[in-house]
Amino acid sequence: MMRKAIFQSAFLTGIPVLGFALFSKTADLKEFAIFISASFLCAISVSFLNLFFESRRKIFLACSLISIATSLILSGLKAGLSFNSFFIFITYCIWVFYYLARRGIEFADIPLHFFGGFLIFWLGALWNNNEIQKIINLLSEKKLILSSLFISFAFQGGYIIDLIQDIEEDRKSGQKNIVEKIGKRRAIFISQILFTLSYLCAMNLAKNVEIKMLMSVFMIAQNFIVLVKRESIEKEDGLKKYRAFYRAVFSVASALILASHQTDFFLKFLRQV
């Protein structure tokens, strides 16, 4: 259980890191270390929260509260950066509502999870922006809107696949699972629509023609796999392989988008290492 929580937290931390790298104007190593530590602690506090709702063991709730408290302290280390702590706190609250909603309402967790994807990304994208007007201006930028949608559509598509795998666990823990109502085949179809929308956002976000073409190849390949291997994906072994595939593709797609936008960020950052 702990290994799963750490792995999920490390994967989730990559989302705010992408936001930070895409929108950060500086490449200070110390600042980045504070950010990534606070982001990981926020992510693992959510994972501990998940373990608490699954097992009802209070030790996981205590670990969750300690982790989020430490994350809030780290995010407020620099004077005048109160919005960092605010975004972490709001992100944590959304996930609390998400887990509570899953215990009673089948559909409420879908919009909460989708909005949670936005908040996790914005945590990195808006880091160290402590002026309301700057935040409002940034939120209206095409680049932020497309990158947020790219993340959230993929995040939600992956979540629906996770729900298929979690049916038995959810039954045991008393949590509602929408897949039981709509069926595995329909859930996979909805998930693939969301992944397709994510790829379309990525194509519009990428600067280079070559990267746009790669995104279209990824999209066609994933749709082809779902179409041909649909029955296999519905089974546990096939589902695990498909999850590993789309996570790997998503990671590569994110790296390519980042490379097309922030080459200077990497060069400045590497000089300090």
Protein backbone atom coordinates (compact mmCIF):
# COMPACT_ATOMS: atom_id res chain seq x y z
CA MET A 1 0.00 0.00 0.00
CA MET A 2 2.80 2.39 0.90
CA ARG A 3 4.72 1.58 -2.27
CA LYS A 4 1.62 2.33 -4.34
CA ALA A 5 1.09 5.64 -2.48
CA ILE A 6 4.70 6.74 -3.08
CA PHE A 7 4.57 5.79 -6.77
CA GLN A 8 1.28 7.62 -7.31
CA SER A 9 2.61 10.68 -5.48
CA ALA A 10 5.78 10.76 -7.59
CA PHE A 11 3.67 10.52 -10.77
CA LEU A 12 1.27 13.24 -9.56
CA THR A 13 4.21 15.52 -8.65
CA GLY A 14 5.20 15.51 -12.31
CA ILE A 15 2.06 17.52 -13.16
CA PRO A 16 2.89 20.66 -11.10
CA VAL A 17 6.54 20.27 -12.14
CA LEU A 18 5.42 20.51 -15.78
CA GLY A 19 3.41 23.64 -14.91
CA PHE A 20 6.38 25.16 -13.08
CA ALA A 21 8.80 24.45 -15.94
CA LEU A 22 6.38 25.76 -18.60
CA PHE A 23 5.59 29.06 -16.89
CA SER A 24 8.48 29.81 -14.55
CA LYS A 25 10.46 32.93 -15.41
CA THR A 26 13.41 31.90 -13.25
CA ALA A 27 15.43 28.70 -12.87
CA ASP A 28 16.69 29.02 -9.30
CA LEU A 29 17.76 25.61 -7.94
CA LYS A 30 16.88 26.40 -4.30
CA GLU A 31 13.44 27.71 -5.26
CA PHE A 32 12.82 24.61 -7.38
CA ALA A 33 13.84 22.32 -4.49
CA ILE A 34 11.32 24.04 -2.17
CA PHE A 35 8.63 23.82 -4.84
CA ILE A 36 9.14 20.14 -5.67
CA SER A 37 9.30 19.17 -1.96
CA ALA A 38 6.06 21.06 -1.22
CA SER A 39 4.39 19.54 -4.30
CA PHE A 40 5.43 15.98 -3.41
CA LEU A 41 4.23 16.39 0.17
CA CYS A 42 0.90 17.73 -1.11
CA ALA A 43 0.59 14.76 -3.49
CA ILE A 44 1.49 12.17 -0.86
CA SER A 45 -0.95 13.75 1.61
CA VAL A 46 -3.68 13.01 -0.97
CA SER A 47 -2.39 9.42 -1.37
CA PHE A 48 -2.47 8.92 2.40
CA LEU A 49 -6.00 10.30 2.40
CA ASN A 50 -6.94 7.69 -0.18
CA LEU A 51 -5.41 4.93 1.98
CA PHE A 52 -7.35 6.21 4.99
CA PHE A 53 -10.70 6.03 3.16
CA GLU A 54 -9.84 2.56 1.84
CA SER A 55 -8.59 1.03 5.11
CA ARG A 56 -10.07 3.27 7.83
CA ARG A 57 -6.70 3.18 9.62
CA LYS A 58 -6.17 6.46 11.47
CA ILE A 59 -2.39 6.32 11.00
CA PHE A 60 -2.92 7.22 7.32
CA LEU A 61 -5.09 10.21 8.24
CA ALA A 62 -2.36 11.38 10.64
CA CYS A 63 0.29 10.97 7.91
CA SER A 64 -1.92 12.91 5.49
CA LEU A 65 -2.36 15.83 7.91
CA ILE A 66 1.36 15.93 8.78
CA SER A 67 2.31 15.88 5.09
CA ILE A 68 -0.06 18.69 4.10
CA ALA A 69 0.99 20.79 7.11
CA THR A 70 4.68 20.39 6.15
CA SER A 71 3.83 21.25 2.53
CA LEU A 72 2.07 24.44 3.66
CA ILE A 73 5.06 25.43 5.80
CA LEU A 74 7.51 24.87 2.93
CA SER A 75 5.34 26.78 0.45
CA GLY A 76 5.30 29.81 2.76
CA LEU A 77 9.06 29.99 3.39
CA LYS A 78 9.52 33.10 1.27
CA ALA A 79 7.88 36.28 2.50
CA GLY A 80 4.96 37.55 0.44
CA LEU A 81 4.26 34.25 -1.32
CA SER A 82 0.98 33.47 0.42
CA PHE A 83 -0.73 32.32 -2.79
CA ASN A 84 1.54 29.24 -2.89
CA SER A 85 0.06 28.03 0.40
CA PHE A 86 -3.43 29.02 -0.72
CA PHE A 87 -3.26 26.84 -3.86
CA ILE A 88 -1.89 23.89 -1.89
CA PHE A 89 -4.66 24.24 0.71
CA ILE A 90 -7.41 24.50 -1.93
CA THR A 91 -5.96 21.51 -3.81
CA TYR A 92 -6.04 19.41 -0.64
CA CYS A 93 -9.62 20.51 0.16
CA ILE A 94 -10.82 19.51 -3.32
CA TRP A 95 -9.42 16.03 -2.83
CA VAL A 96 -11.07 15.76 0.61
CA PHE A 97 -14.41 16.62 -1.04
CA TYR A 98 -13.62 14.12 -3.82
CA TYR A 99 -13.12 11.20 -1.42
CA LEU A 100 -16.18 12.17 0.62
CA ALA A 101 -18.30 12.44 -2.54
CA ARG A 102 -17.25 8.97 -3.71
CA ARG A 103 -18.87 7.48 -0.62
CA GLY A 104 -22.36 8.64 -1.54
CA ILE A 105 -22.70 10.09 -5.05
CA GLU A 106 -21.63 8.24 -8.19
CA PHE A 107 -21.19 11.24 -10.47
CA ALA A 108 -19.92 13.95 -8.11
CA ASP A 109 -16.34 12.65 -8.13
CA ILE A 110 -16.04 13.16 -11.93
CA PRO A 111 -16.15 17.02 -11.96
CA LEU A 112 -14.19 17.15 -8.69
CA HIS A 113 -11.43 14.96 -10.13
CA PHE A 114 -11.39 16.99 -13.36
CA PHE A 115 -11.09 20.28 -11.45
CA GLY A 116 -8.48 18.65 -9.21
CA GLY A 117 -6.36 18.09 -12.33
CA PHE A 118 -6.53 21.82 -13.09
CA LEU A 119 -5.52 22.77 -9.54
CA ILE A 120 -2.56 20.40 -9.45
CA PHE A 121 -1.25 21.87 -12.70
CA TRP A 122 -1.95 25.46 -11.63
CA LEU A 123 0.01 24.83 -8.42
CA GLY A 124 3.17 24.75 -10.55
CA ALA A 125 2.10 27.19 -13.26
CA LEU A 126 1.16 29.93 -10.77
CA TRP A 127 3.94 29.29 -8.26
CA ASN A 128 5.44 32.53 -6.89
CA ASN A 129 2.83 34.71 -8.63
CA ASN A 130 1.68 36.73 -5.63
CA GLU A 131 -0.25 39.49 -7.42
CA ILE A 132 -3.93 38.87 -8.18
CA GLN A 133 -3.83 40.80 -11.48
CA LYS A 134 -0.86 38.75 -12.74
CA ILE A 135 -2.69 35.54 -11.87
CA ILE A 136 -5.85 36.70 -13.67
CA ASN A 137 -3.81 37.67 -16.75
CA LEU A 138 -2.00 34.31 -16.73
CA LEU A 139 -5.25 32.36 -16.39
CA SER A 140 -6.56 34.02 -19.56
CA GLU A 141 -3.49 33.12 -21.64
CA LYS A 142 -4.05 30.62 -24.47
CA LYS A 143 -0.93 28.70 -23.47
CA LEU A 144 -2.19 28.11 -19.91
CA ILE A 145 -5.72 27.22 -21.05
CA LEU A 146 -4.48 24.64 -23.59
CA SER A 147 -1.87 23.13 -21.25
CA SER A 148 -4.44 22.91 -18.42
CA LEU A 149 -6.92 21.14 -20.72
CA PHE A 150 -4.16 18.84 -22.02
CA ILE A 151 -3.41 17.77 -18.45
CA SER A 152 -6.99 17.57 -17.19
CA PHE A 153 -8.42 15.59 -20.11
CA ALA A 154 -5.58 13.05 -19.86
CA PHE A 155 -5.86 13.02 -16.06
CA GLN A 156 -9.60 12.29 -16.27
CA GLY A 157 -9.15 9.70 -19.03
CA GLY A 158 -6.62 7.85 -16.89
CA TYR A 159 -8.87 8.15 -13.84
CA ILE A 160 -11.72 6.34 -15.62
CA ILE A 161 -9.33 3.50 -16.46
CA ASP A 162 -8.30 3.42 -12.78
CA LEU A 163 -11.97 3.09 -11.82
CA ILE A 164 -12.24 -0.07 -13.91
CA GLN A 165 -9.35 -1.61 -11.98
CA ASP A 166 -10.70 -0.42 -8.63
CA ILE A 167 -14.20 -1.92 -8.85
CA GLU A 168 -13.55 -4.70 -6.30
CA GLU A 169 -11.63 -2.43 -3.90
CA ASP A 170 -14.41 0.17 -4.04
CA ARG A 171 -17.02 -2.45 -3.23
CA LYS A 172 -15.07 -3.53 -0.14
CA SER A 173 -14.49 0.05 1.06
CA GLY A 174 -18.07 1.17 0.36
CA GLN A 175 -17.14 3.76 -2.29
CA LYS A 176 -19.34 4.40 -5.32
CA ASN A 177 -17.89 3.49 -8.71
CA ILE A 178 -19.54 4.85 -11.85
CA VAL A 179 -18.12 2.01 -14.00
CA GLU A 180 -20.49 -0.45 -12.32
CA LYS A 181 -23.36 1.61 -13.74
CA ILE A 182 -22.09 2.35 -17.26
CA GLY A 183 -20.03 -0.83 -17.86
CA LYS A 184 -16.35 -1.38 -18.68
CA ARG A 185 -16.72 -1.06 -22.47
CA ARG A 186 -18.49 2.29 -22.27
CA ALA A 187 -15.99 3.52 -19.66
CA ILE A 188 -13.07 2.69 -21.98
CA PHE A 189 -14.85 4.51 -24.84
CA ILE A 190 -15.40 7.66 -22.71
CA SER A 191 -11.80 7.49 -21.49
CA GLN A 192 -10.52 7.39 -25.07
CA ILE A 193 -12.60 10.43 -26.04
CA LEU A 194 -10.93 12.33 -23.18
CA PHE A 195 -7.46 11.17 -24.26
CA THR A 196 -8.23 12.26 -27.85
CA LEU A 197 -9.25 15.72 -26.62
CA SER A 198 -6.00 15.84 -24.63
CA TYR A 199 -3.94 15.04 -27.75
CA LEU A 200 -5.81 17.72 -29.75
CA CYS A 201 -4.91 20.28 -27.07
CA ALA A 202 -1.29 19.07 -27.18
CA MET A 203 -1.18 19.52 -30.97
CA ASN A 204 -2.40 23.11 -30.62
CA LEU A 205 0.05 23.71 -27.78
CA ALA A 206 3.17 22.35 -29.51
CA LYS A 207 5.25 24.93 -31.39
CA ASN A 208 7.09 22.64 -33.81
CA VAL A 209 5.48 20.86 -36.76
CA GLU A 210 7.48 17.73 -35.94
CA ILE A 211 6.06 17.59 -32.40
CA LYS A 212 2.53 18.19 -33.72
CA MET A 213 3.00 15.22 -36.04
CA LEU A 214 4.28 13.05 -33.18
CA MET A 215 1.21 13.95 -31.12
CA SER A 216 -1.05 12.88 -33.99
CA VAL A 217 0.89 9.58 -34.23
CA PHE A 218 0.44 9.02 -30.47
CA MET A 219 -3.29 9.75 -30.77
CA ILE A 220 -3.82 7.42 -33.73
CA ALA A 221 -1.74 4.65 -32.09
CA GLN A 222 -3.69 4.83 -28.82
CA ASN A 223 -7.06 4.87 -30.59
CA PHE A 224 -5.96 1.90 -32.72
CA ILE A 225 -4.88 -0.09 -29.63
CA VAL A 226 -8.21 0.58 -27.89
CA LEU A 227 -10.13 -0.41 -31.03
CA VAL A 228 -8.20 -3.64 -31.68
CA LYS A 229 -7.46 -4.71 -28.08
CA ARG A 230 -10.71 -3.56 -26.45
CA GLU A 231 -11.65 -6.98 -25.09
CA SER A 232 -8.14 -7.53 -23.75
CA ILE A 233 -8.13 -4.13 -22.02
CA GLU A 234 -11.31 -5.06 -20.17
CA LYS A 235 -9.37 -7.86 -18.42
CA GLU A 236 -7.00 -7.15 -15.51
CA ASP A 237 -3.73 -8.10 -17.23
CA GLY A 238 -4.54 -6.14 -20.39
CA LEU A 239 -5.68 -3.17 -18.31
CA LYS A 240 -2.32 -3.01 -16.48
CA LYS A 241 -0.40 -3.06 -19.77
CA TYR A 242 -2.65 -0.35 -21.24
CA ARG A 243 -2.15 1.85 -18.16
CA ALA A 244 1.62 1.50 -18.45
CA PHE A 245 1.38 2.37 -22.16
CA TYR A 246 -0.69 5.55 -21.85
CA ARG A 247 1.32 6.78 -18.85
CA ALA A 248 4.55 6.35 -20.82
CA VAL A 249 3.07 8.13 -23.86
CA PHE A 250 1.70 10.94 -21.66
CA SER A 251 5.14 11.43 -20.06
CA VAL A 252 6.84 11.60 -23.47
CA ALA A 253 4.17 13.99 -24.79
CA SER A 254 4.63 16.27 -21.76
CA ALA A 255 8.42 16.27 -22.20
CA LEU A 256 8.09 17.15 -25.90
CA ILE A 257 5.72 20.05 -25.18
CA LEU A 258 8.05 21.31 -22.48
CA ALA A 259 11.07 21.08 -24.78
CA SER A 260 9.27 23.06 -27.50
CA HIS A 261 8.45 25.90 -25.08
CA GLN A 262 11.16 26.11 -22.44
CA THR A 263 14.56 25.15 -23.84
CA ASP A 264 16.11 28.18 -22.09
CA PHE A 265 14.74 27.01 -18.73
CA PHE A 266 16.64 23.72 -18.97
CA LEU A 267 19.88 25.44 -20.01
CA LYS A 268 19.72 27.88 -17.07
CA PHE A 269 18.78 25.12 -14.65
CA LEU A 270 21.55 22.73 -15.76
CA ARG A 271 24.22 25.40 -15.24
CA GLN A 272 23.37 25.37 -11.50
CA VAL A 273 23.53 21.59 -11.09
